[in-house]
Amino acid sequence: MKISDLYSVVKGVLCEDPRTRDNDHLLCVIIWHKQLRATGYDITRMSAYDLMLKYRDKELANHDSITRARRKVQEDNELLRGDRHKERQAKQEEVKGDIRGIK
């Protein structure tokens, strides 16, 4: 899935379900569910192994791409930012310093 398409999907989910604005795991699960349902899969009948194979074979959007799209959507639209947005922004410099310290 192209990042521009994923941007639209992520934006739609963030609009529909405010819980996803602060929860990347929930956001990914909802998007994967939508993708599987669109291709005719009944997730209630899938095993975890089947799900992992779909992810491995790149039939589901990459978690990193979903979260990257979420960050871009929230950068572009303040109304879709979660309650923890300011907290994450404040912690950003601490995380950058920690990463720079890795050798």
C-alpha atoms as a PDB file:
ATOM      1  CA  MET A   1       0.000   0.000   0.000  1.00  0.00           C
ATOM      2  CA  LYS A   2       1.365   3.396  -0.972  1.00  0.00           C
ATOM      3  CA  ILE A   3       2.034   5.800   1.895  1.00  0.00           C
ATOM      4  CA  SER A   4      -0.412   8.330   0.394  1.00  0.00           C
ATOM      5  CA  ASP A   5      -3.175   5.687   0.471  1.00  0.00           C
ATOM      6  CA  LEU A   6      -2.187   4.680   3.986  1.00  0.00           C
ATOM      7  CA  TYR A   7      -2.312   8.336   5.055  1.00  0.00           C
ATOM      8  CA  SER A   8      -5.989   8.467   4.036  1.00  0.00           C
ATOM      9  CA  VAL A   9      -6.818   5.192   5.782  1.00  0.00           C
ATOM     10  CA  VAL A  10      -5.059   6.267   8.984  1.00  0.00           C
ATOM     11  CA  LYS A  11      -6.771   9.652   8.918  1.00  0.00           C
ATOM     12  CA  GLY A  12     -10.145   7.927   8.564  1.00  0.00           C
ATOM     13  CA  VAL A  13      -9.488   5.635  11.522  1.00  0.00           C
ATOM     14  CA  LEU A  14      -8.249   8.527  13.682  1.00  0.00           C
ATOM     15  CA  CYS A  15     -11.482  10.395  12.876  1.00  0.00           C
ATOM     16  CA  GLU A  16     -13.700   7.367  13.551  1.00  0.00           C
ATOM     17  CA  ASP A  17     -12.067   6.135  16.758  1.00  0.00           C
ATOM     18  CA  PRO A  18     -10.420   8.708  19.071  1.00  0.00           C
ATOM     19  CA  ARG A  19      -8.834   5.880  21.118  1.00  0.00           C
ATOM     20  CA  THR A  20      -6.426   5.263  18.230  1.00  0.00           C
ATOM     21  CA  ARG A  21      -4.928   8.742  18.548  1.00  0.00           C
ATOM     22  CA  ASP A  22      -2.838   7.602  21.523  1.00  0.00           C
ATOM     23  CA  ASN A  23      -2.674   3.859  20.872  1.00  0.00           C
ATOM     24  CA  ASP A  24      -0.592   2.668  17.915  1.00  0.00           C
ATOM     25  CA  HIS A  25      -1.304  -0.990  18.662  1.00  0.00           C
ATOM     26  CA  LEU A  26      -5.050  -0.422  18.428  1.00  0.00           C
ATOM     27  CA  LEU A  27      -4.590   1.689  15.289  1.00  0.00           C
ATOM     28  CA  CYS A  28      -2.627  -1.106  13.586  1.00  0.00           C
ATOM     29  CA  VAL A  29      -5.087  -3.802  14.618  1.00  0.00           C
ATOM     30  CA  ILE A  30      -8.022  -1.812  13.235  1.00  0.00           C
ATOM     31  CA  ILE A  31      -6.225  -1.123   9.950  1.00  0.00           C
ATOM     32  CA  TRP A  32      -5.161  -4.766   9.571  1.00  0.00           C
ATOM     33  CA  HIS A  33      -8.730  -5.855  10.328  1.00  0.00           C
ATOM     34  CA  LYS A  34     -10.021  -3.524   7.606  1.00  0.00           C
ATOM     35  CA  GLN A  35      -7.430  -4.842   5.140  1.00  0.00           C
ATOM     36  CA  LEU A  36      -8.250  -8.480   5.875  1.00  0.00           C
ATOM     37  CA  ARG A  37     -11.990  -7.905   5.710  1.00  0.00           C
ATOM     38  CA  ALA A  38     -11.597  -6.085   2.368  1.00  0.00           C
ATOM     39  CA  THR A  39      -9.867  -9.148   0.910  1.00  0.00           C
ATOM     40  CA  GLY A  40     -12.549 -11.517   2.186  1.00  0.00           C
ATOM     41  CA  TYR A  41     -10.842 -12.950   5.258  1.00  0.00           C
ATOM     42  CA  ASP A  42     -12.867 -13.772   8.362  1.00  0.00           C
ATOM     43  CA  ILE A  43     -10.485 -12.891  11.179  1.00  0.00           C
ATOM     44  CA  THR A  44     -12.520 -14.938  13.656  1.00  0.00           C
ATOM     45  CA  ARG A  45     -11.425 -18.035  11.720  1.00  0.00           C
ATOM     46  CA  MET A  46      -7.776 -17.073  11.211  1.00  0.00           C
ATOM     47  CA  SER A  47      -5.012 -18.433  13.370  1.00  0.00           C
ATOM     48  CA  ALA A  48      -2.249 -16.226  14.719  1.00  0.00           C
ATOM     49  CA  TYR A  49       0.082 -18.140  12.413  1.00  0.00           C
ATOM     50  CA  ASP A  50      -2.032 -17.204   9.374  1.00  0.00           C
ATOM     51  CA  LEU A  51      -1.947 -13.570  10.451  1.00  0.00           C
ATOM     52  CA  MET A  52       1.832 -13.662  10.834  1.00  0.00           C
ATOM     53  CA  LEU A  53       2.189 -15.183   7.358  1.00  0.00           C
ATOM     54  CA  LYS A  54       0.086 -12.369   5.873  1.00  0.00           C
ATOM     55  CA  TYR A  55       2.272  -9.796   7.656  1.00  0.00           C
ATOM     56  CA  ARG A  56       5.481 -11.562   6.595  1.00  0.00           C
ATOM     57  CA  ASP A  57       4.322 -11.715   2.991  1.00  0.00           C
ATOM     58  CA  LYS A  58       3.553  -7.980   3.083  1.00  0.00           C
ATOM     59  CA  GLU A  59      -0.168  -8.446   2.560  1.00  0.00           C
ATOM     60  CA  LEU A  60      -0.767  -6.174   5.562  1.00  0.00           C
ATOM     61  CA  ALA A  61       0.498  -2.640   6.035  1.00  0.00           C
ATOM     62  CA  ASN A  62       3.775  -2.378   7.899  1.00  0.00           C
ATOM     63  CA  HIS A  63       3.436  -1.264  11.528  1.00  0.00           C
ATOM     64  CA  ASP A  64       6.165   1.345  11.045  1.00  0.00           C
ATOM     65  CA  SER A  65       4.417   2.786   7.991  1.00  0.00           C
ATOM     66  CA  ILE A  66       1.122   3.022   9.883  1.00  0.00           C
ATOM     67  CA  THR A  67       2.715   4.876  12.798  1.00  0.00           C
ATOM     68  CA  ARG A  68       4.647   7.134  10.396  1.00  0.00           C
ATOM     69  CA  ALA A  69       1.379   7.990   8.646  1.00  0.00           C
ATOM     70  CA  ARG A  70      -0.274   8.631  12.035  1.00  0.00           C
ATOM     71  CA  ARG A  71       2.453  11.080  13.000  1.00  0.00           C
ATOM     72  CA  LYS A  72       2.086  12.915   9.667  1.00  0.00           C
ATOM     73  CA  VAL A  73      -1.718  13.062   9.959  1.00  0.00           C
ATOM     74  CA  GLN A  74      -1.439  14.440  13.490  1.00  0.00           C
ATOM     75  CA  GLU A  75       1.217  16.935  12.417  1.00  0.00           C
ATOM     76  CA  ASP A  76      -1.145  18.184   9.703  1.00  0.00           C
ATOM     77  CA  ASN A  77      -4.323  18.168  11.811  1.00  0.00           C
ATOM     78  CA  GLU A  78      -4.271  19.271  15.450  1.00  0.00           C
ATOM     79  CA  LEU A  79      -7.816  17.985  16.007  1.00  0.00           C
ATOM     80  CA  LEU A  80      -6.632  14.412  15.450  1.00  0.00           C
ATOM     81  CA  ARG A  81      -3.877  14.582  18.054  1.00  0.00           C
ATOM     82  CA  GLY A  82      -4.334  12.452  21.120  1.00  0.00           C
ATOM     83  CA  ASP A  83      -4.361  13.489  24.747  1.00  0.00           C
ATOM     84  CA  ARG A  84      -0.731  12.404  25.120  1.00  0.00           C
ATOM     85  CA  HIS A  85       0.591  14.449  22.170  1.00  0.00           C
ATOM     86  CA  LYS A  86       2.056  17.248  24.294  1.00  0.00           C
ATOM     87  CA  GLU A  87       3.571  14.711  26.687  1.00  0.00           C
ATOM     88  CA  ARG A  88       5.289  12.896  23.793  1.00  0.00           C
ATOM     89  CA  GLN A  89       6.576  16.180  22.343  1.00  0.00           C
ATOM     90  CA  ALA A  90       8.036  17.177  25.711  1.00  0.00           C
ATOM     91  CA  LYS A  91       9.836  13.836  25.999  1.00  0.00           C
ATOM     92  CA  GLN A  92      11.218  14.080  22.458  1.00  0.00           C
ATOM     93  CA  GLU A  93      14.475  15.821  23.406  1.00  0.00           C
ATOM     94  CA  GLU A  94      15.173  13.261  26.135  1.00  0.00           C
ATOM     95  CA  VAL A  95      14.717  10.419  23.633  1.00  0.00           C
ATOM     96  CA  LYS A  96      16.941  12.156  21.053  1.00  0.00           C
ATOM     97  CA  GLY A  97      19.698  12.500  23.663  1.00  0.00           C
ATOM     98  CA  ASP A  98      19.354   8.866  24.622  1.00  0.00           C
ATOM     99  CA  ILE A  99      19.637   7.776  20.983  1.00  0.00           C
ATOM    100  CA  ARG A 100      22.705   9.962  20.416  1.00  0.00           C
ATOM    101  CA  GLY A 101      24.343   8.213  23.373  1.00  0.00           C
ATOM    102  CA  ILE A 102      24.138   4.786  21.692  1.00  0.00           C
ATOM    103  CA  LYS A 103      27.511   3.611  20.406  1.00  0.00           C
END
